[in-house]
Amino acid sequence: QQHLPTIRDEGRIYSATGDGRVPFIDADDIGASA
């Protein structure tokens, strides 16, 4: 999704988190939980 083009084209990730740390979870793990 949204980060793929900027990672591929610019080598960057843009986020509204600033210096904060935000965990990312794999959708397969969400599926396993569900």
PDB file of all heavy atoms in Angstrom:
ATOM      1  N   GLN A   1       0.798  -1.218   0.000  1.00  0.00           N
ATOM      2  CA  GLN A   1       0.000   0.000   0.000  1.00  0.00           C
ATOM      3  C   GLN A   1       0.829   1.266   0.000  1.00  0.00           C
ATOM      4  O   GLN A   1       1.827   1.358  -0.704  1.00  0.00           O
ATOM      5  CB  GLN A   1      -0.980  -0.019   1.168  1.00  0.00           C
ATOM      6  CG  GLN A   1      -2.116  -0.974   0.927  1.00  0.00           C
ATOM      7  CD  GLN A   1      -3.185  -0.818   1.977  1.00  0.00           C
ATOM      8  OE1 GLN A   1      -2.931  -0.994   3.154  1.00  0.00           O
ATOM      9  NE2 GLN A   1      -4.379  -0.490   1.540  1.00  0.00           N
ATOM     10  N   GLN A   2       0.424   2.227   0.824  1.00  0.00           N
ATOM     11  CA  GLN A   2       0.870   3.600   0.706  1.00  0.00           C
ATOM     12  C   GLN A   2       2.375   3.819   0.819  1.00  0.00           C
ATOM     13  O   GLN A   2       2.899   4.731   0.208  1.00  0.00           O
ATOM     14  CB  GLN A   2       0.125   4.512   1.689  1.00  0.00           C
ATOM     15  CG  GLN A   2       0.416   4.273   3.151  1.00  0.00           C
ATOM     16  CD  GLN A   2      -0.571   3.350   3.813  1.00  0.00           C
ATOM     17  OE1 GLN A   2      -1.184   2.509   3.169  1.00  0.00           O
ATOM     18  NE2 GLN A   2      -0.718   3.471   5.114  1.00  0.00           N
ATOM     19  N   HIS A   3       3.086   3.006   1.575  1.00  0.00           N
ATOM     20  CA  HIS A   3       4.524   3.240   1.725  1.00  0.00           C
ATOM     21  C   HIS A   3       5.352   2.645   0.592  1.00  0.00           C
ATOM     22  O   HIS A   3       6.505   3.052   0.406  1.00  0.00           O
ATOM     23  CB  HIS A   3       5.021   2.704   3.071  1.00  0.00           C
ATOM     24  CG  HIS A   3       4.451   3.414   4.245  1.00  0.00           C
ATOM     25  ND1 HIS A   3       4.580   4.773   4.439  1.00  0.00           N
ATOM     26  CD2 HIS A   3       3.737   2.959   5.295  1.00  0.00           C
ATOM     27  CE1 HIS A   3       3.977   5.115   5.560  1.00  0.00           C
ATOM     28  NE2 HIS A   3       3.445   4.034   6.099  1.00  0.00           N
ATOM     29  N   LEU A   4       4.820   1.713  -0.145  1.00  0.00           N
ATOM     30  CA  LEU A   4       5.583   1.038  -1.194  1.00  0.00           C
ATOM     31  C   LEU A   4       6.169   2.012  -2.216  1.00  0.00           C
ATOM     32  O   LEU A   4       7.366   1.945  -2.504  1.00  0.00           O
ATOM     33  CB  LEU A   4       4.730  -0.031  -1.877  1.00  0.00           C
ATOM     34  CG  LEU A   4       5.408  -0.774  -3.029  1.00  0.00           C
ATOM     35  CD1 LEU A   4       6.659  -1.501  -2.553  1.00  0.00           C
ATOM     36  CD2 LEU A   4       4.426  -1.750  -3.668  1.00  0.00           C
ATOM     37  N   PRO A   5       5.394   2.931  -2.792  1.00  0.00           N
ATOM     38  CA  PRO A   5       5.985   3.821  -3.811  1.00  0.00           C
ATOM     39  C   PRO A   5       7.129   4.696  -3.273  1.00  0.00           C
ATOM     40  O   PRO A   5       8.143   4.871  -3.959  1.00  0.00           O
ATOM     41  CB  PRO A   5       4.815   4.686  -4.270  1.00  0.00           C
ATOM     42  CG  PRO A   5       3.595   3.914  -3.917  1.00  0.00           C
ATOM     43  CD  PRO A   5       3.956   3.135  -2.683  1.00  0.00           C
ATOM     44  N   THR A   6       6.974   5.226  -2.051  1.00  0.00           N
ATOM     45  CA  THR A   6       8.047   6.099  -1.543  1.00  0.00           C
ATOM     46  C   THR A   6       9.277   5.295  -1.143  1.00  0.00           C
ATOM     47  O   THR A   6      10.401   5.782  -1.279  1.00  0.00           O
ATOM     48  CB  THR A   6       7.553   6.968  -0.362  1.00  0.00           C
ATOM     49  OG1 THR A   6       7.094   6.144   0.697  1.00  0.00           O
ATOM     50  CG2 THR A   6       6.464   7.923  -0.822  1.00  0.00           C
ATOM     51  N   ILE A   7       9.084   4.077  -0.666  1.00  0.00           N
ATOM     52  CA  ILE A   7      10.234   3.220  -0.367  1.00  0.00           C
ATOM     53  C   ILE A   7      10.968   2.894  -1.657  1.00  0.00           C
ATOM     54  O   ILE A   7      12.195   3.033  -1.755  1.00  0.00           O
ATOM     55  CB  ILE A   7       9.797   1.928   0.355  1.00  0.00           C
ATOM     56  CG1 ILE A   7       9.294   2.235   1.763  1.00  0.00           C
ATOM     57  CG2 ILE A   7      10.951   0.916   0.402  1.00  0.00           C
ATOM     58  CD1 ILE A   7       8.619   1.056   2.445  1.00  0.00           C
ATOM     59  N   ARG A   8      10.215   2.475  -2.673  1.00  0.00           N
ATOM     60  CA  ARG A   8      10.801   2.078  -3.953  1.00  0.00           C
ATOM     61  C   ARG A   8      11.434   3.262  -4.676  1.00  0.00           C
ATOM     62  O   ARG A   8      12.559   3.169  -5.164  1.00  0.00           O
ATOM     63  CB  ARG A   8       9.712   1.445  -4.824  1.00  0.00           C
ATOM     64  CG  ARG A   8      10.199   0.944  -6.173  1.00  0.00           C
ATOM     65  CD  ARG A   8       9.057   0.497  -7.083  1.00  0.00           C
ATOM     66  NE  ARG A   8       8.129   1.601  -7.256  1.00  0.00           N
ATOM     67  CZ  ARG A   8       6.802   1.520  -7.037  1.00  0.00           C
ATOM     68  NH1 ARG A   8       6.258   0.379  -6.665  1.00  0.00           N
ATOM     69  NH2 ARG A   8       6.024   2.560  -7.204  1.00  0.00           N
ATOM     70  N   ASP A   9      10.726   4.393  -4.726  1.00  0.00           N
ATOM     71  CA  ASP A   9      11.157   5.510  -5.561  1.00  0.00           C
ATOM     72  C   ASP A   9      12.080   6.497  -4.858  1.00  0.00           C
ATOM     73  O   ASP A   9      12.903   7.146  -5.499  1.00  0.00           O
ATOM     74  CB  ASP A   9       9.937   6.271  -6.100  1.00  0.00           C
ATOM     75  CG  ASP A   9       9.004   5.387  -6.912  1.00  0.00           C
ATOM     76  OD1 ASP A   9       9.454   4.317  -7.391  1.00  0.00           O
ATOM     77  OD2 ASP A   9       7.816   5.761  -7.066  1.00  0.00           O
ATOM     78  N   GLU A  10      11.942   6.625  -3.540  1.00  0.00           N
ATOM     79  CA  GLU A  10      12.706   7.637  -2.819  1.00  0.00           C
ATOM     80  C   GLU A  10      13.576   7.070  -1.701  1.00  0.00           C
ATOM     81  O   GLU A  10      14.382   7.799  -1.108  1.00  0.00           O
ATOM     82  CB  GLU A  10      11.760   8.672  -2.194  1.00  0.00           C
ATOM     83  CG  GLU A  10      10.871   9.383  -3.195  1.00  0.00           C
ATOM     84  CD  GLU A  10       9.866  10.287  -2.497  1.00  0.00           C
ATOM     85  OE1 GLU A  10      10.221  10.887  -1.455  1.00  0.00           O
ATOM     86  OE2 GLU A  10       8.728  10.386  -2.992  1.00  0.00           O
ATOM     87  N   GLY A  11      13.360   5.797  -1.363  1.00  0.00           N
ATOM     88  CA  GLY A  11      14.089   5.231  -0.240  1.00  0.00           C
ATOM     89  C   GLY A  11      13.659   5.857   1.084  1.00  0.00           C
ATOM     90  O   GLY A  11      14.432   5.928   2.030  1.00  0.00           O
ATOM     91  N   ARG A  12      12.383   6.302   1.167  1.00  0.00           N
ATOM     92  CA  ARG A  12      11.881   6.984   2.363  1.00  0.00           C
ATOM     93  C   ARG A  12      10.515   6.431   2.775  1.00  0.00           C
ATOM     94  O   ARG A  12       9.766   5.930   1.954  1.00  0.00           O
ATOM     95  CB  ARG A  12      11.712   8.477   2.102  1.00  0.00           C
ATOM     96  CG  ARG A  12      13.004   9.198   1.830  1.00  0.00           C
ATOM     97  CD  ARG A  12      12.723  10.679   1.604  1.00  0.00           C
ATOM     98  NE  ARG A  12      13.929  11.395   1.323  1.00  0.00           N
ATOM     99  CZ  ARG A  12      14.670  12.013   2.248  1.00  0.00           C
ATOM    100  NH1 ARG A  12      14.305  11.992   3.502  1.00  0.00           N
ATOM    101  NH2 ARG A  12      15.751  12.647   1.901  1.00  0.00           N
ATOM    102  N   ILE A  13      10.248   6.609   4.069  1.00  0.00           N
ATOM    103  CA  ILE A  13       8.930   6.303   4.621  1.00  0.00           C
ATOM    104  C   ILE A  13       8.419   7.581   5.266  1.00  0.00           C
ATOM    105  O   ILE A  13       9.106   8.175   6.105  1.00  0.00           O
ATOM    106  CB  ILE A  13       9.003   5.185   5.678  1.00  0.00           C
ATOM    107  CG1 ILE A  13       9.524   3.893   5.055  1.00  0.00           C
ATOM    108  CG2 ILE A  13       7.635   4.981   6.330  1.00  0.00           C
ATOM    109  CD1 ILE A  13       9.820   2.801   6.062  1.00  0.00           C
ATOM    110  N   TYR A  14       7.238   8.011   4.877  1.00  0.00           N
ATOM    111  CA  TYR A  14       6.626   9.204   5.453  1.00  0.00           C
ATOM    112  C   TYR A  14       5.521   8.774   6.407  1.00  0.00           C
ATOM    113  O   TYR A  14       4.706   7.922   6.077  1.00  0.00           O
ATOM    114  CB  TYR A  14       6.044  10.100   4.355  1.00  0.00           C
ATOM    115  CG  TYR A  14       7.106  10.640   3.421  1.00  0.00           C
ATOM    116  CD1 TYR A  14       7.347  10.027   2.195  1.00  0.00           C
ATOM    117  CD2 TYR A  14       7.880  11.735   3.785  1.00  0.00           C
ATOM    118  CE1 TYR A  14       8.323  10.521   1.337  1.00  0.00           C
ATOM    119  CE2 TYR A  14       8.862  12.228   2.935  1.00  0.00           C
ATOM    120  CZ  TYR A  14       9.081  11.610   1.714  1.00  0.00           C
ATOM    121  OH  TYR A  14      10.050  12.087   0.875  1.00  0.00           O
ATOM    122  N   SER A  15       5.521   9.380   7.586  1.00  0.00           N
ATOM    123  CA  SER A  15       4.550   9.002   8.596  1.00  0.00           C
ATOM    124  C   SER A  15       4.225  10.199   9.475  1.00  0.00           C
ATOM    125  O   SER A  15       5.045  11.104   9.644  1.00  0.00           O
ATOM    126  CB  SER A  15       5.128   7.865   9.448  1.00  0.00           C
ATOM    127  OG  SER A  15       4.337   7.638  10.573  1.00  0.00           O
ATOM    128  N   ALA A  16       3.052  10.192  10.071  1.00  0.00           N
ATOM    129  CA  ALA A  16       2.641  11.248  10.995  1.00  0.00           C
ATOM    130  C   ALA A  16       3.107  10.966  12.415  1.00  0.00           C
ATOM    131  O   ALA A  16       2.720  11.661  13.346  1.00  0.00           O
ATOM    132  CB  ALA A  16       1.124  11.390  10.974  1.00  0.00           C
ATOM    133  N   THR A  17       3.962   9.978  12.614  1.00  0.00           N
ATOM    134  CA  THR A  17       4.376   9.597  13.962  1.00  0.00           C
ATOM    135  C   THR A  17       5.528  10.428  14.500  1.00  0.00           C
ATOM    136  O   THR A  17       5.850  10.319  15.683  1.00  0.00           O
ATOM    137  CB  THR A  17       4.779   8.114  14.010  1.00  0.00           C
ATOM    138  OG1 THR A  17       5.870   7.905  13.096  1.00  0.00           O
ATOM    139  CG2 THR A  17       3.618   7.218  13.657  1.00  0.00           C
ATOM    140  N   GLY A  18       6.158  11.241  13.664  1.00  0.00           N
ATOM    141  CA  GLY A  18       7.297  12.033  14.129  1.00  0.00           C
ATOM    142  C   GLY A  18       8.379  11.120  14.656  1.00  0.00           C
ATOM    143  O   GLY A  18       8.757  10.148  14.018  1.00  0.00           O
ATOM    144  N   ASP A  19       8.866  11.418  15.857  1.00  0.00           N
ATOM    145  CA  ASP A  19       9.892  10.586  16.472  1.00  0.00           C
ATOM    146  C   ASP A  19       9.299   9.448  17.296  1.00  0.00           C
ATOM    147  O   ASP A  19      10.024   8.685  17.926  1.00  0.00           O
ATOM    148  CB  ASP A  19      10.784  11.443  17.383  1.00  0.00           C
ATOM    149  CG  ASP A  19      11.637  12.416  16.584  1.00  0.00           C
ATOM    150  OD1 ASP A  19      11.946  12.108  15.416  1.00  0.00           O
ATOM    151  OD2 ASP A  19      11.978  13.480  17.129  1.00  0.00           O
ATOM    152  N   GLY A  20       7.980   9.365  17.314  1.00  0.00           N
ATOM    153  CA  GLY A  20       7.314   8.310  18.083  1.00  0.00           C
ATOM    154  C   GLY A  20       7.525   6.952  17.462  1.00  0.00           C
ATOM    155  O   GLY A  20       7.873   6.824  16.295  1.00  0.00           O
ATOM    156  N   ARG A  21       7.311   5.948  18.280  1.00  0.00           N
ATOM    157  CA  ARG A  21       7.439   4.577  17.804  1.00  0.00           C
ATOM    158  C   ARG A  21       6.048   3.967  17.720  1.00  0.00           C
ATOM    159  O   ARG A  21       5.292   4.015  18.684  1.00  0.00           O
ATOM    160  CB  ARG A  21       8.311   3.771  18.745  1.00  0.00           C
ATOM    161  CG  ARG A  21       9.718   4.286  18.754  1.00  0.00           C
ATOM    162  CD  ARG A  21      10.572   3.494  19.692  1.00  0.00           C
ATOM    163  NE  ARG A  21      11.891   4.098  19.719  1.00  0.00           N
ATOM    164  CZ  ARG A  21      12.959   3.466  20.109  1.00  0.00           C
ATOM    165  NH1 ARG A  21      12.883   2.230  20.535  1.00  0.00           N
ATOM    166  NH2 ARG A  21      14.117   4.070  20.111  1.00  0.00           N
ATOM    167  N   VAL A  22       5.758   3.414  16.575  1.00  0.00           N
ATOM    168  CA  VAL A  22       4.455   2.811  16.339  1.00  0.00           C
ATOM    169  C   VAL A  22       4.687   1.382  15.849  1.00  0.00           C
ATOM    170  O   VAL A  22       5.421   1.171  14.886  1.00  0.00           O
ATOM    171  CB  VAL A  22       3.642   3.600  15.280  1.00  0.00           C
ATOM    172  CG1 VAL A  22       2.328   2.918  14.988  1.00  0.00           C
ATOM    173  CG2 VAL A  22       3.419   5.022  15.735  1.00  0.00           C
ATOM    174  N   PRO A  23       4.085   0.398  16.517  1.00  0.00           N
ATOM    175  CA  PRO A  23       4.280  -0.984  16.070  1.00  0.00           C
ATOM    176  C   PRO A  23       3.469  -1.283  14.807  1.00  0.00           C
ATOM    177  O   PRO A  23       2.391  -0.727  14.601  1.00  0.00           O
ATOM    178  CB  PRO A  23       3.763  -1.810  17.252  1.00  0.00           C
ATOM    179  CG  PRO A  23       2.783  -0.928  17.938  1.00  0.00           C
ATOM    180  CD  PRO A  23       3.252   0.491  17.715  1.00  0.00           C
ATOM    181  N   PHE A  24       4.001  -2.124  13.980  1.00  0.00           N
ATOM    182  CA  PHE A  24       3.311  -2.617  12.801  1.00  0.00           C
ATOM    183  C   PHE A  24       3.086  -4.107  13.005  1.00  0.00           C
ATOM    184  O   PHE A  24       3.947  -4.796  13.552  1.00  0.00           O
ATOM    185  CB  PHE A  24       4.148  -2.376  11.537  1.00  0.00           C
ATOM    186  CG  PHE A  24       4.168  -0.947  11.085  1.00  0.00           C
ATOM    187  CD1 PHE A  24       4.910   0.007  11.754  1.00  0.00           C
ATOM    188  CD2 PHE A  24       3.421  -0.552   9.987  1.00  0.00           C
ATOM    189  CE1 PHE A  24       4.921   1.322  11.347  1.00  0.00           C
ATOM    190  CE2 PHE A  24       3.422   0.770   9.568  1.00  0.00           C
ATOM    191  CZ  PHE A  24       4.177   1.711  10.253  1.00  0.00           C
ATOM    192  N   ILE A  25       1.936  -4.597  12.560  1.00  0.00           N
ATOM    193  CA  ILE A  25       1.599  -6.012  12.721  1.00  0.00           C
ATOM    194  C   ILE A  25       1.296  -6.606  11.354  1.00  0.00           C
ATOM    195  O   ILE A  25       0.728  -5.944  10.486  1.00  0.00           O
ATOM    196  CB  ILE A  25       0.411  -6.209  13.695  1.00  0.00           C
ATOM    197  CG1 ILE A  25       0.161  -7.692  13.951  1.00  0.00           C
ATOM    198  CG2 ILE A  25      -0.827  -5.487  13.198  1.00  0.00           C
ATOM    199  CD1 ILE A  25      -0.777  -7.971  15.107  1.00  0.00           C
ATOM    200  N   ASP A  26       1.684  -7.832  11.171  1.00  0.00           N
ATOM    201  CA  ASP A  26       1.432  -8.517   9.907  1.00  0.00           C
ATOM    202  C   ASP A  26      -0.036  -8.912   9.820  1.00  0.00           C
ATOM    203  O   ASP A  26      -0.612  -9.407  10.799  1.00  0.00           O
ATOM    204  CB  ASP A  26       2.321  -9.757   9.820  1.00  0.00           C
ATOM    205  CG  ASP A  26       2.303 -10.351   8.439  1.00  0.00           C
ATOM    206  OD1 ASP A  26       1.304 -11.029   8.098  1.00  0.00           O
ATOM    207  OD2 ASP A  26       3.263 -10.132   7.681  1.00  0.00           O
ATOM    208  N   ALA A  27      -0.640  -8.701   8.678  1.00  0.00           N
ATOM    209  CA  ALA A  27      -2.055  -9.046   8.490  1.00  0.00           C
ATOM    210  C   ALA A  27      -2.305 -10.540   8.677  1.00  0.00           C
ATOM    211  O   ALA A  27      -3.413 -10.943   9.054  1.00  0.00           O
ATOM    212  CB  ALA A  27      -2.540  -8.585   7.114  1.00  0.00           C
ATOM    213  N   ASP A  28      -1.289 -11.377   8.437  1.00  0.00           N
ATOM    214  CA  ASP A  28      -1.446 -12.811   8.708  1.00  0.00           C
ATOM    215  C   ASP A  28      -1.642 -13.060  10.202  1.00  0.00           C
ATOM    216  O   ASP A  28      -2.409 -13.939  10.596  1.00  0.00           O
ATOM    217  CB  ASP A  28      -0.233 -13.603   8.210  1.00  0.00           C
ATOM    218  CG  ASP A  28      -0.232 -13.761   6.703  1.00  0.00           C
ATOM    219  OD1 ASP A  28      -1.269 -14.144   6.144  1.00  0.00           O
ATOM    220  OD2 ASP A  28       0.820 -13.483   6.090  1.00  0.00           O
ATOM    221  N   ASP A  29      -0.977 -12.287  11.032  1.00  0.00           N
ATOM    222  CA  ASP A  29      -1.143 -12.437  12.479  1.00  0.00           C
ATOM    223  C   ASP A  29      -2.516 -11.943  12.922  1.00  0.00           C
ATOM    224  O   ASP A  29      -3.129 -12.529  13.825  1.00  0.00           O
ATOM    225  CB  ASP A  29      -0.038 -11.694  13.227  1.00  0.00           C
ATOM    226  CG  ASP A  29       1.330 -12.331  13.020  1.00  0.00           C
ATOM    227  OD1 ASP A  29       1.387 -13.552  12.747  1.00  0.00           O
ATOM    228  OD2 ASP A  29       2.331 -11.599  13.113  1.00  0.00           O
ATOM    229  N   ILE A  30      -3.007 -10.892  12.295  1.00  0.00           N
ATOM    230  CA  ILE A  30      -4.364 -10.429  12.591  1.00  0.00           C
ATOM    231  C   ILE A  30      -5.357 -11.521  12.200  1.00  0.00           C
ATOM    232  O   ILE A  30      -6.280 -11.841  12.946  1.00  0.00           O
ATOM    233  CB  ILE A  30      -4.674  -9.107  11.861  1.00  0.00           C
ATOM    234  CG1 ILE A  30      -3.762  -7.995  12.370  1.00  0.00           C
ATOM    235  CG2 ILE A  30      -6.147  -8.723  12.029  1.00  0.00           C
ATOM    236  CD1 ILE A  30      -3.757  -6.755  11.512  1.00  0.00           C
ATOM    237  N   GLY A  31      -5.146 -12.108  11.025  1.00  0.00           N
ATOM    238  CA  GLY A  31      -6.006 -13.196  10.582  1.00  0.00           C
ATOM    239  C   GLY A  31      -5.983 -14.378  11.536  1.00  0.00           C
ATOM    240  O   GLY A  31      -7.023 -14.955  11.850  1.00  0.00           O
ATOM    241  N   ALA A  32      -4.797 -14.740  12.019  1.00  0.00           N
ATOM    242  CA  ALA A  32      -4.692 -15.855  12.962  1.00  0.00           C
ATOM    243  C   ALA A  32      -5.429 -15.534  14.259  1.00  0.00           C
ATOM    244  O   ALA A  32      -6.091 -16.405  14.834  1.00  0.00           O
ATOM    245  CB  ALA A  32      -3.228 -16.174  13.243  1.00  0.00           C
ATOM    246  N   SER A  33      -5.334 -14.300  14.703  1.00  0.00           N
ATOM    247  CA  SER A  33      -6.051 -13.898  15.918  1.00  0.00           C
ATOM    248  C   SER A  33      -7.554 -13.952  15.692  1.00  0.00           C
ATOM    249  O   SER A  33      -8.296 -14.444  16.536  1.00  0.00           O
ATOM    250  CB  SER A  33      -5.641 -12.489  16.344  1.00  0.00           C
ATOM    251  OG  SER A  33      -4.293 -12.469  16.723  1.00  0.00           O
ATOM    252  N   ALA A  34      -8.001 -13.442  14.559  1.00  0.00           N
ATOM    253  CA  ALA A  34      -9.438 -13.453  14.257  1.00  0.00           C
ATOM    254  C   ALA A  34      -9.950 -14.882  14.168  1.00  0.00           C
ATOM    255  O   ALA A  34     -11.047 -15.185  14.647  1.00  0.00           O
ATOM    256  CB  ALA A  34      -9.712 -12.723  12.951  1.00  0.00           C
TER     257      ALA A  34
END
